[in-house]
N, C-alpha and C. Protein backbone atom coordinates (compact mmCIF):
# COMPACT_ATOMS: atom_id res chain seq x y z
N UNK A 1 13.52 -53.73 35.57
CA UNK A 1 12.94 -52.70 34.70
C UNK A 1 11.65 -53.10 34.06
N UNK A 2 11.74 -54.31 33.49
CA UNK A 2 10.47 -54.95 32.93
C UNK A 2 9.35 -55.04 33.88
N UNK A 3 9.78 -55.51 35.07
CA UNK A 3 8.66 -55.68 36.12
C UNK A 3 8.01 -54.39 36.41
N UNK A 4 8.87 -53.31 36.45
CA UNK A 4 8.31 -51.94 36.95
C UNK A 4 7.26 -51.53 35.80
N UNK A 5 7.66 -51.64 34.58
CA UNK A 5 6.82 -51.22 33.49
C UNK A 5 5.49 -52.11 33.39
N UNK A 6 5.58 -53.46 33.73
CA UNK A 6 4.45 -54.18 33.70
C UNK A 6 3.43 -53.80 34.90
N UNK A 7 4.04 -53.47 36.03
CA UNK A 7 3.28 -52.98 37.11
C UNK A 7 2.62 -51.80 36.89
N UNK A 8 3.25 -50.75 36.23
CA UNK A 8 2.55 -49.48 35.88
C UNK A 8 1.39 -49.71 34.85
N UNK A 9 1.68 -50.51 33.87
CA UNK A 9 0.56 -50.86 33.05
C UNK A 9 -0.70 -51.58 33.71
N UNK A 10 -0.37 -52.36 34.60
CA UNK A 10 -1.41 -53.06 35.34
C UNK A 10 -2.20 -51.97 36.31
N UNK A 11 -1.34 -51.09 36.84
CA UNK A 11 -1.92 -50.10 37.70
C UNK A 11 -2.82 -49.12 36.97
N UNK A 12 -2.43 -48.64 35.77
CA UNK A 12 -3.26 -47.82 34.96
C UNK A 12 -4.53 -48.47 34.62
N UNK A 13 -4.50 -49.77 34.20
CA UNK A 13 -5.72 -50.56 33.80
C UNK A 13 -6.57 -50.58 35.03
N UNK A 14 -6.08 -50.81 36.25
CA UNK A 14 -6.91 -51.01 37.39
C UNK A 14 -7.66 -49.70 37.73
N UNK A 15 -6.85 -48.55 37.57
CA UNK A 15 -7.41 -47.20 37.76
C UNK A 15 -8.50 -46.90 36.91
N UNK A 16 -8.29 -47.16 35.57
CA UNK A 16 -9.29 -46.80 34.59
C UNK A 16 -10.42 -47.81 34.56
N UNK A 17 -10.23 -48.98 34.97
CA UNK A 17 -11.33 -49.96 34.84
C UNK A 17 -11.53 -50.30 33.33
N UNK A 18 -12.78 -50.76 33.14
CA UNK A 18 -13.18 -50.99 31.71
C UNK A 18 -13.46 -49.91 30.80
N UNK A 19 -13.54 -48.65 31.49
CA UNK A 19 -13.82 -47.47 30.72
C UNK A 19 -12.68 -46.76 30.12
N UNK A 20 -11.47 -47.42 30.22
CA UNK A 20 -10.21 -46.84 29.66
C UNK A 20 -10.31 -46.83 28.20
N UNK A 21 -10.52 -45.61 27.54
CA UNK A 21 -10.63 -45.58 26.06
C UNK A 21 -9.25 -45.25 25.52
N UNK A 22 -9.16 -45.73 24.26
CA UNK A 22 -7.97 -45.46 23.47
C UNK A 22 -8.33 -44.91 22.08
N UNK A 23 -7.25 -44.21 21.49
CA UNK A 23 -7.65 -43.41 20.29
C UNK A 23 -8.37 -44.29 19.17
N UNK A 24 -7.99 -45.50 19.07
CA UNK A 24 -8.75 -46.30 17.96
C UNK A 24 -10.17 -46.61 18.26
N UNK A 25 -10.55 -46.34 19.42
CA UNK A 25 -11.90 -46.70 19.91
C UNK A 25 -12.86 -45.45 19.74
N UNK A 26 -12.32 -44.32 19.37
CA UNK A 26 -13.20 -43.15 19.27
C UNK A 26 -13.99 -43.20 17.94
N UNK A 27 -15.30 -42.75 18.13
CA UNK A 27 -16.19 -42.80 16.95
C UNK A 27 -16.96 -41.40 16.99
N UNK A 28 -17.35 -40.83 15.77
CA UNK A 28 -18.13 -39.66 15.82
C UNK A 28 -19.56 -39.89 16.44
N UNK A 29 -20.02 -38.73 17.07
CA UNK A 29 -21.34 -38.81 17.73
C UNK A 29 -22.56 -38.83 16.79
N UNK A 30 -22.35 -38.26 15.56
CA UNK A 30 -23.37 -38.16 14.59
C UNK A 30 -22.83 -38.40 13.19
N UNK A 31 -23.69 -38.77 12.35
CA UNK A 31 -23.22 -39.07 10.93
C UNK A 31 -22.84 -37.82 10.19
N UNK A 32 -21.94 -37.96 9.24
CA UNK A 32 -21.58 -36.79 8.38
C UNK A 32 -22.53 -36.52 7.41
N UNK A 33 -22.88 -35.29 7.26
CA UNK A 33 -23.91 -34.75 6.30
C UNK A 33 -23.42 -34.88 4.95
N UNK A 34 -24.19 -35.41 4.03
CA UNK A 34 -23.71 -35.48 2.64
C UNK A 34 -24.25 -34.15 1.98
N UNK A 35 -23.47 -33.71 0.89
CA UNK A 35 -23.90 -32.52 0.17
C UNK A 35 -24.94 -32.86 -0.80
N UNK A 36 -25.96 -31.93 -0.81
CA UNK A 36 -27.07 -32.12 -1.74
C UNK A 36 -26.52 -31.88 -3.18
N UNK A 37 -26.71 -32.80 -4.03
CA UNK A 37 -26.31 -32.73 -5.35
C UNK A 37 -27.44 -32.20 -6.25
N UNK A 38 -27.25 -31.00 -6.80
CA UNK A 38 -28.31 -30.34 -7.49
C UNK A 38 -28.16 -30.49 -8.94
N UNK A 39 -29.28 -30.50 -9.75
CA UNK A 39 -29.20 -30.35 -11.25
C UNK A 39 -29.03 -31.66 -11.82
N UNK A 40 -29.64 -32.69 -11.23
CA UNK A 40 -29.47 -34.00 -12.03
C UNK A 40 -30.81 -34.62 -12.40
N UNK A 41 -31.86 -33.70 -12.64
CA UNK A 41 -33.17 -34.36 -13.02
C UNK A 41 -33.90 -34.79 -11.74
N UNK A 42 -34.86 -35.66 -11.96
CA UNK A 42 -35.49 -36.28 -10.86
C UNK A 42 -36.64 -35.49 -10.33
N UNK A 43 -36.80 -35.53 -8.95
CA UNK A 43 -37.90 -34.96 -8.32
C UNK A 43 -38.01 -33.52 -7.91
N UNK A 44 -37.02 -32.86 -8.53
CA UNK A 44 -36.93 -31.45 -8.17
C UNK A 44 -37.62 -30.48 -9.14
N UNK A 45 -38.28 -30.90 -10.20
CA UNK A 45 -38.85 -30.07 -11.08
C UNK A 45 -38.10 -29.76 -12.28
N UNK A 46 -38.63 -28.83 -13.07
CA UNK A 46 -38.02 -28.52 -14.33
C UNK A 46 -36.52 -28.18 -14.38
N UNK A 47 -36.20 -27.35 -13.38
CA UNK A 47 -34.81 -26.68 -13.42
C UNK A 47 -33.82 -27.43 -12.39
N UNK A 48 -34.51 -28.31 -11.64
CA UNK A 48 -33.70 -29.16 -10.71
C UNK A 48 -32.87 -28.25 -9.72
N UNK A 49 -33.51 -27.24 -9.24
CA UNK A 49 -32.89 -26.48 -8.20
C UNK A 49 -31.76 -25.54 -8.65
N UNK A 50 -31.64 -25.32 -9.91
CA UNK A 50 -30.47 -24.41 -10.49
C UNK A 50 -31.04 -23.18 -10.98
N UNK A 51 -32.34 -22.87 -10.87
CA UNK A 51 -32.81 -21.57 -11.37
C UNK A 51 -32.86 -21.67 -12.92
N UNK A 52 -33.27 -20.50 -13.51
CA UNK A 52 -33.39 -20.42 -14.89
C UNK A 52 -32.27 -19.90 -15.70
N UNK A 53 -31.89 -20.53 -16.84
CA UNK A 53 -30.92 -19.96 -17.62
C UNK A 53 -29.72 -19.41 -17.06
N UNK A 54 -28.91 -18.85 -17.72
CA UNK A 54 -27.70 -18.13 -17.30
C UNK A 54 -26.49 -19.03 -16.98
N UNK A 55 -25.33 -18.31 -16.72
CA UNK A 55 -24.10 -19.06 -16.51
C UNK A 55 -24.03 -20.16 -15.31
N UNK A 56 -24.76 -19.83 -14.28
CA UNK A 56 -24.66 -20.66 -13.17
C UNK A 56 -25.58 -21.91 -13.24
N UNK A 57 -26.54 -21.86 -14.26
CA UNK A 57 -27.44 -22.90 -14.40
C UNK A 57 -26.96 -24.05 -15.33
N UNK A 58 -25.78 -23.66 -16.02
CA UNK A 58 -25.28 -24.56 -17.05
C UNK A 58 -24.41 -25.64 -16.36
N UNK A 59 -24.09 -26.69 -17.13
CA UNK A 59 -23.18 -27.72 -16.73
C UNK A 59 -21.78 -27.03 -16.57
N UNK A 60 -20.98 -27.56 -15.51
CA UNK A 60 -19.70 -27.08 -15.37
C UNK A 60 -19.65 -25.57 -15.09
N UNK A 61 -20.72 -25.01 -14.42
CA UNK A 61 -20.72 -23.61 -14.27
C UNK A 61 -19.57 -23.08 -13.34
N UNK A 62 -18.73 -22.26 -13.84
CA UNK A 62 -17.78 -21.55 -12.97
C UNK A 62 -17.77 -20.05 -13.22
N UNK A 63 -17.99 -19.23 -12.20
CA UNK A 63 -18.13 -17.88 -12.29
C UNK A 63 -16.66 -17.31 -12.37
N UNK A 64 -16.51 -16.38 -13.32
CA UNK A 64 -15.24 -15.74 -13.56
C UNK A 64 -14.73 -15.01 -12.35
N UNK A 65 -13.47 -15.29 -11.89
CA UNK A 65 -13.00 -14.53 -10.61
C UNK A 65 -13.02 -13.15 -10.79
N UNK A 66 -13.47 -12.26 -9.85
CA UNK A 66 -13.50 -10.86 -9.88
C UNK A 66 -12.11 -10.31 -9.92
N UNK A 67 -11.05 -10.94 -9.35
CA UNK A 67 -9.86 -10.42 -9.29
C UNK A 67 -9.27 -10.33 -10.67
N UNK A 68 -9.50 -11.27 -11.49
CA UNK A 68 -8.98 -11.18 -12.87
C UNK A 68 -9.51 -9.96 -13.50
N UNK A 69 -10.77 -9.61 -13.48
CA UNK A 69 -11.31 -8.46 -14.02
C UNK A 69 -10.63 -7.21 -13.46
N UNK A 70 -10.32 -7.11 -12.35
CA UNK A 70 -9.65 -5.96 -11.68
C UNK A 70 -8.20 -5.84 -12.39
N UNK A 71 -7.56 -6.91 -12.52
CA UNK A 71 -6.17 -6.95 -13.12
C UNK A 71 -6.21 -6.44 -14.45
N UNK A 72 -7.30 -6.86 -15.32
CA UNK A 72 -7.49 -6.33 -16.64
C UNK A 72 -7.54 -4.94 -16.75
N UNK A 73 -8.18 -4.27 -15.72
CA UNK A 73 -8.43 -2.77 -15.96
C UNK A 73 -7.23 -1.98 -15.60
N UNK A 74 -6.25 -2.59 -15.00
CA UNK A 74 -5.02 -1.78 -14.67
C UNK A 74 -4.13 -1.55 -15.89
N UNK A 75 -3.76 -0.35 -16.19
CA UNK A 75 -2.96 -0.19 -17.39
C UNK A 75 -1.51 -0.71 -17.17
N UNK A 76 -0.99 -1.47 -18.22
CA UNK A 76 0.24 -2.20 -18.22
C UNK A 76 1.18 -1.73 -19.20
N UNK A 77 2.34 -1.16 -18.84
CA UNK A 77 3.50 -0.89 -19.74
C UNK A 77 3.08 -0.02 -20.95
N UNK A 78 2.18 0.96 -20.63
CA UNK A 78 1.76 1.86 -21.71
C UNK A 78 2.10 3.31 -21.33
N UNK A 79 3.21 3.54 -20.72
CA UNK A 79 3.64 4.84 -20.39
C UNK A 79 3.00 5.52 -19.14
N UNK A 80 2.15 4.73 -18.46
CA UNK A 80 1.47 5.36 -17.24
C UNK A 80 2.30 5.14 -16.13
N UNK A 81 2.72 6.40 -15.51
CA UNK A 81 3.62 6.31 -14.45
C UNK A 81 2.82 6.70 -13.11
N UNK A 82 2.92 6.02 -12.08
CA UNK A 82 2.17 6.36 -10.84
C UNK A 82 3.13 7.27 -10.05
N UNK A 83 2.69 8.49 -9.86
CA UNK A 83 3.53 9.58 -9.22
C UNK A 83 2.92 9.91 -7.97
N UNK A 84 2.29 8.98 -7.17
CA UNK A 84 1.66 9.12 -5.91
C UNK A 84 2.68 9.52 -4.87
N UNK A 85 3.98 9.02 -5.05
CA UNK A 85 4.94 9.41 -4.03
C UNK A 85 5.72 10.54 -4.29
N UNK A 86 5.40 11.23 -5.45
CA UNK A 86 6.27 12.37 -5.74
C UNK A 86 5.94 13.53 -4.72
N UNK A 87 7.06 14.14 -4.23
CA UNK A 87 6.82 15.20 -3.28
C UNK A 87 6.52 16.46 -3.94
N UNK A 88 5.74 17.20 -3.40
CA UNK A 88 5.41 18.53 -4.11
C UNK A 88 6.44 19.52 -4.02
N UNK A 89 6.71 20.34 -4.95
CA UNK A 89 7.72 21.32 -5.03
C UNK A 89 7.07 22.73 -5.03
N UNK A 90 7.52 23.54 -4.14
CA UNK A 90 7.01 24.92 -4.19
C UNK A 90 7.91 25.83 -5.01
N UNK A 91 7.31 26.71 -5.77
CA UNK A 91 8.07 27.55 -6.66
C UNK A 91 8.17 29.00 -6.19
N UNK A 92 9.45 29.58 -6.29
CA UNK A 92 9.66 30.92 -5.89
C UNK A 92 10.45 31.53 -7.03
N UNK A 93 10.03 32.74 -7.41
CA UNK A 93 10.64 33.51 -8.45
C UNK A 93 11.65 34.57 -7.94
N UNK A 94 12.56 35.02 -8.72
CA UNK A 94 13.66 35.92 -8.30
C UNK A 94 13.03 37.28 -7.97
N UNK A 95 11.94 37.68 -8.47
CA UNK A 95 11.27 38.79 -7.98
C UNK A 95 11.00 38.92 -6.53
N UNK A 96 10.50 37.77 -6.01
CA UNK A 96 10.11 37.69 -4.54
C UNK A 96 11.50 37.73 -3.67
N UNK A 97 12.59 37.14 -4.19
CA UNK A 97 13.78 37.15 -3.49
C UNK A 97 14.34 38.52 -3.40
N UNK A 98 14.17 39.30 -4.52
CA UNK A 98 14.74 40.70 -4.60
C UNK A 98 13.89 41.60 -3.59
N UNK A 99 12.65 41.33 -3.32
CA UNK A 99 11.81 42.09 -2.51
C UNK A 99 12.15 41.78 -1.00
N UNK A 100 12.20 40.55 -0.67
CA UNK A 100 12.24 40.01 0.71
C UNK A 100 13.65 39.90 1.32
N UNK A 101 14.66 39.74 0.52
CA UNK A 101 16.01 39.53 1.19
C UNK A 101 16.96 40.68 0.89
N UNK A 102 17.84 40.83 1.85
CA UNK A 102 18.89 41.82 1.80
C UNK A 102 20.16 41.25 1.21
N UNK A 103 21.09 41.98 0.83
CA UNK A 103 22.33 41.52 0.24
C UNK A 103 23.08 40.77 1.27
N UNK A 104 23.77 39.74 0.78
CA UNK A 104 24.65 38.75 1.69
C UNK A 104 23.64 37.83 2.52
N UNK A 105 22.34 37.76 2.21
CA UNK A 105 21.52 36.76 2.94
C UNK A 105 21.69 35.34 2.48
N UNK A 106 21.31 34.43 3.34
CA UNK A 106 21.21 33.00 2.82
C UNK A 106 19.84 32.67 2.48
N UNK A 107 19.63 32.14 1.26
CA UNK A 107 18.25 31.77 0.88
C UNK A 107 18.27 30.20 1.02
N UNK A 108 17.35 29.79 1.89
CA UNK A 108 17.03 28.26 2.17
C UNK A 108 15.67 28.09 2.42
N UNK A 109 15.02 26.88 2.31
CA UNK A 109 13.71 26.62 2.54
C UNK A 109 13.20 27.12 3.87
N UNK A 110 14.03 27.06 4.94
CA UNK A 110 13.73 27.60 6.27
C UNK A 110 13.54 29.07 6.25
N UNK A 111 14.46 29.73 5.62
CA UNK A 111 14.39 31.28 5.49
C UNK A 111 13.18 31.66 4.69
N UNK A 112 12.92 30.82 3.69
CA UNK A 112 11.69 31.26 2.82
C UNK A 112 10.42 31.05 3.61
N UNK A 113 10.39 30.13 4.54
CA UNK A 113 9.26 29.89 5.43
C UNK A 113 9.04 31.00 6.41
N UNK A 114 10.22 31.55 6.93
CA UNK A 114 10.24 32.60 7.80
C UNK A 114 9.73 33.96 7.19
N UNK A 115 10.07 34.12 5.96
CA UNK A 115 9.66 35.34 5.20
C UNK A 115 8.24 35.12 4.57
N UNK A 116 7.67 33.93 4.89
CA UNK A 116 6.26 33.66 4.38
C UNK A 116 6.21 33.65 2.72
N UNK A 117 7.27 33.20 2.18
CA UNK A 117 7.21 33.09 0.57
C UNK A 117 6.69 31.58 0.36
N UNK A 118 6.86 30.77 1.21
CA UNK A 118 6.36 29.33 1.05
C UNK A 118 5.57 28.96 2.29
N UNK A 119 4.81 27.73 2.17
CA UNK A 119 4.00 27.25 3.29
C UNK A 119 4.54 25.82 3.56
N UNK A 120 4.27 25.46 4.71
CA UNK A 120 4.57 23.98 5.09
C UNK A 120 3.44 23.13 4.42
N UNK A 121 3.89 21.85 4.08
CA UNK A 121 2.96 20.95 3.48
C UNK A 121 2.91 19.72 4.36
N UNK A 122 1.70 19.62 4.97
CA UNK A 122 1.38 18.51 6.01
C UNK A 122 2.41 18.70 7.17
N UNK A 123 2.69 19.94 7.56
CA UNK A 123 3.58 20.06 8.64
C UNK A 123 5.07 19.95 8.38
N UNK A 124 5.43 19.71 7.10
CA UNK A 124 6.82 19.62 6.77
C UNK A 124 7.25 20.74 5.86
N UNK A 125 8.63 20.99 5.99
CA UNK A 125 9.17 21.99 5.09
C UNK A 125 9.21 21.37 3.69
N UNK A 126 8.61 22.11 2.68
CA UNK A 126 8.64 21.48 1.34
C UNK A 126 9.95 21.69 0.66
N UNK A 127 10.07 21.03 -0.51
CA UNK A 127 11.07 21.29 -1.39
C UNK A 127 10.82 22.48 -2.22
N UNK A 128 11.92 23.17 -2.57
CA UNK A 128 11.66 24.52 -3.24
C UNK A 128 12.55 24.58 -4.55
N UNK A 129 11.95 25.25 -5.55
CA UNK A 129 12.72 25.48 -6.73
C UNK A 129 12.57 26.97 -7.09
N UNK A 130 13.77 27.48 -7.42
CA UNK A 130 13.78 28.89 -7.73
C UNK A 130 13.73 29.03 -9.31
N UNK A 131 12.86 29.98 -9.72
CA UNK A 131 12.80 30.13 -11.17
C UNK A 131 13.13 31.59 -11.43
N UNK A 132 13.51 31.86 -12.70
CA UNK A 132 14.20 33.12 -13.11
C UNK A 132 13.36 34.19 -13.53
N UNK A 133 12.19 34.29 -12.97
CA UNK A 133 11.34 35.56 -13.52
C UNK A 133 11.74 36.68 -12.68
N UNK A 134 12.24 37.78 -13.17
CA UNK A 134 12.65 38.99 -12.53
C UNK A 134 14.09 39.02 -12.60
N UNK A 135 14.56 40.17 -12.01
CA UNK A 135 16.03 40.48 -12.05
C UNK A 135 16.51 40.44 -10.62
N UNK A 136 17.85 40.05 -10.40
CA UNK A 136 18.53 40.08 -9.13
C UNK A 136 19.68 40.98 -9.08
N UNK A 137 19.70 41.89 -8.03
CA UNK A 137 20.78 42.71 -8.04
C UNK A 137 21.54 42.56 -6.60
N UNK A 138 21.08 41.75 -5.80
CA UNK A 138 21.59 41.53 -4.46
C UNK A 138 22.49 40.24 -4.46
N UNK A 139 23.53 40.24 -3.71
CA UNK A 139 24.39 39.14 -3.53
C UNK A 139 23.76 38.21 -2.59
N UNK A 140 23.25 36.96 -3.17
CA UNK A 140 22.64 36.05 -2.32
C UNK A 140 23.39 34.65 -2.30
N UNK A 141 23.21 33.87 -1.21
CA UNK A 141 23.74 32.55 -1.28
C UNK A 141 22.57 31.55 -1.13
N UNK A 142 22.51 30.68 -2.11
CA UNK A 142 21.33 29.79 -2.16
C UNK A 142 21.71 28.37 -1.59
N UNK A 143 20.95 27.87 -0.60
CA UNK A 143 21.20 26.49 -0.07
C UNK A 143 19.99 25.72 -0.01
N UNK A 144 20.08 24.43 -0.36
CA UNK A 144 19.08 23.49 -0.28
C UNK A 144 17.73 23.80 -1.11
N UNK A 145 18.06 24.43 -2.24
CA UNK A 145 16.96 24.69 -3.18
C UNK A 145 17.35 24.17 -4.55
N UNK A 146 16.36 23.67 -5.38
CA UNK A 146 16.64 23.39 -6.76
C UNK A 146 16.67 24.83 -7.46
N UNK A 147 17.49 24.94 -8.48
CA UNK A 147 17.52 26.16 -9.33
C UNK A 147 17.43 25.90 -10.73
N UNK A 148 16.93 26.85 -11.52
CA UNK A 148 16.83 26.72 -12.98
C UNK A 148 18.12 27.29 -13.49
N UNK A 149 18.50 27.09 -14.75
CA UNK A 149 19.65 27.54 -15.48
C UNK A 149 19.70 29.10 -15.38
N UNK A 150 18.56 29.70 -15.64
CA UNK A 150 18.56 31.19 -15.66
C UNK A 150 18.80 31.75 -14.22
N UNK A 151 18.34 31.15 -13.17
CA UNK A 151 18.57 31.57 -11.86
C UNK A 151 20.08 31.42 -11.54
N UNK A 152 20.67 30.36 -11.95
CA UNK A 152 22.00 30.04 -11.68
C UNK A 152 22.89 31.26 -12.25
N UNK A 153 22.54 31.50 -13.46
CA UNK A 153 23.33 32.59 -14.26
C UNK A 153 23.08 33.94 -13.48
N UNK A 154 21.92 34.29 -13.19
CA UNK A 154 21.60 35.54 -12.62
C UNK A 154 22.22 35.72 -11.24
N UNK A 155 22.19 34.62 -10.37
CA UNK A 155 22.74 34.68 -9.01
C UNK A 155 24.20 34.87 -9.04
N UNK A 156 24.91 34.12 -10.01
CA UNK A 156 26.44 34.24 -10.09
C UNK A 156 26.78 35.63 -10.63
N UNK A 157 25.95 36.16 -11.57
CA UNK A 157 26.13 37.42 -12.20
C UNK A 157 26.18 38.55 -11.06
N UNK A 158 25.17 38.34 -10.15
CA UNK A 158 25.06 39.41 -9.12
C UNK A 158 26.07 39.20 -7.96
N UNK A 159 26.99 38.16 -8.05
CA UNK A 159 27.99 37.94 -7.07
C UNK A 159 27.62 36.97 -6.03
N UNK A 160 26.52 36.35 -6.17
CA UNK A 160 26.11 35.34 -5.18
C UNK A 160 26.68 33.94 -5.50
N UNK A 161 26.24 32.99 -4.69
CA UNK A 161 26.67 31.60 -4.98
C UNK A 161 25.50 30.47 -4.66
N UNK A 162 25.71 29.42 -5.32
CA UNK A 162 24.68 28.40 -5.15
C UNK A 162 25.40 27.17 -4.44
N UNK A 163 24.94 26.64 -3.38
CA UNK A 163 25.60 25.53 -2.63
C UNK A 163 24.66 24.37 -2.67
């Protein structure tokens, strides 16, 4: 086994000749560029390449991070609630239900859409809340809508139900 390994090493040296490079023999092709140190007096004139006055011309100049200023502007824990995700609710009064629906009908967002009492919002059926302006004499079944206390009383008084 030892003889085979020695023969392989000799073979690779023979193939590569004297040009066989190894990792420790690698060197860079050009010198590394040193960074120009500014603001140390000397041959650069009065301000030594730092410009005149201001924060960046001082010793130890560090500009305040912009992100910190953005964070400072956002209100924190002061009662500000972000309601960007709140879905809009469309309001329908009992007056409209009295006009458009017959007795024993089912009142749902889909039915309100068909009767053109509400509109789609961004192509979707919106949430609906029924408010108690007006009187109700017809027996209606309400499904899938939010209702106010007065609507609940008026619908149940007329013989309808809320599901």
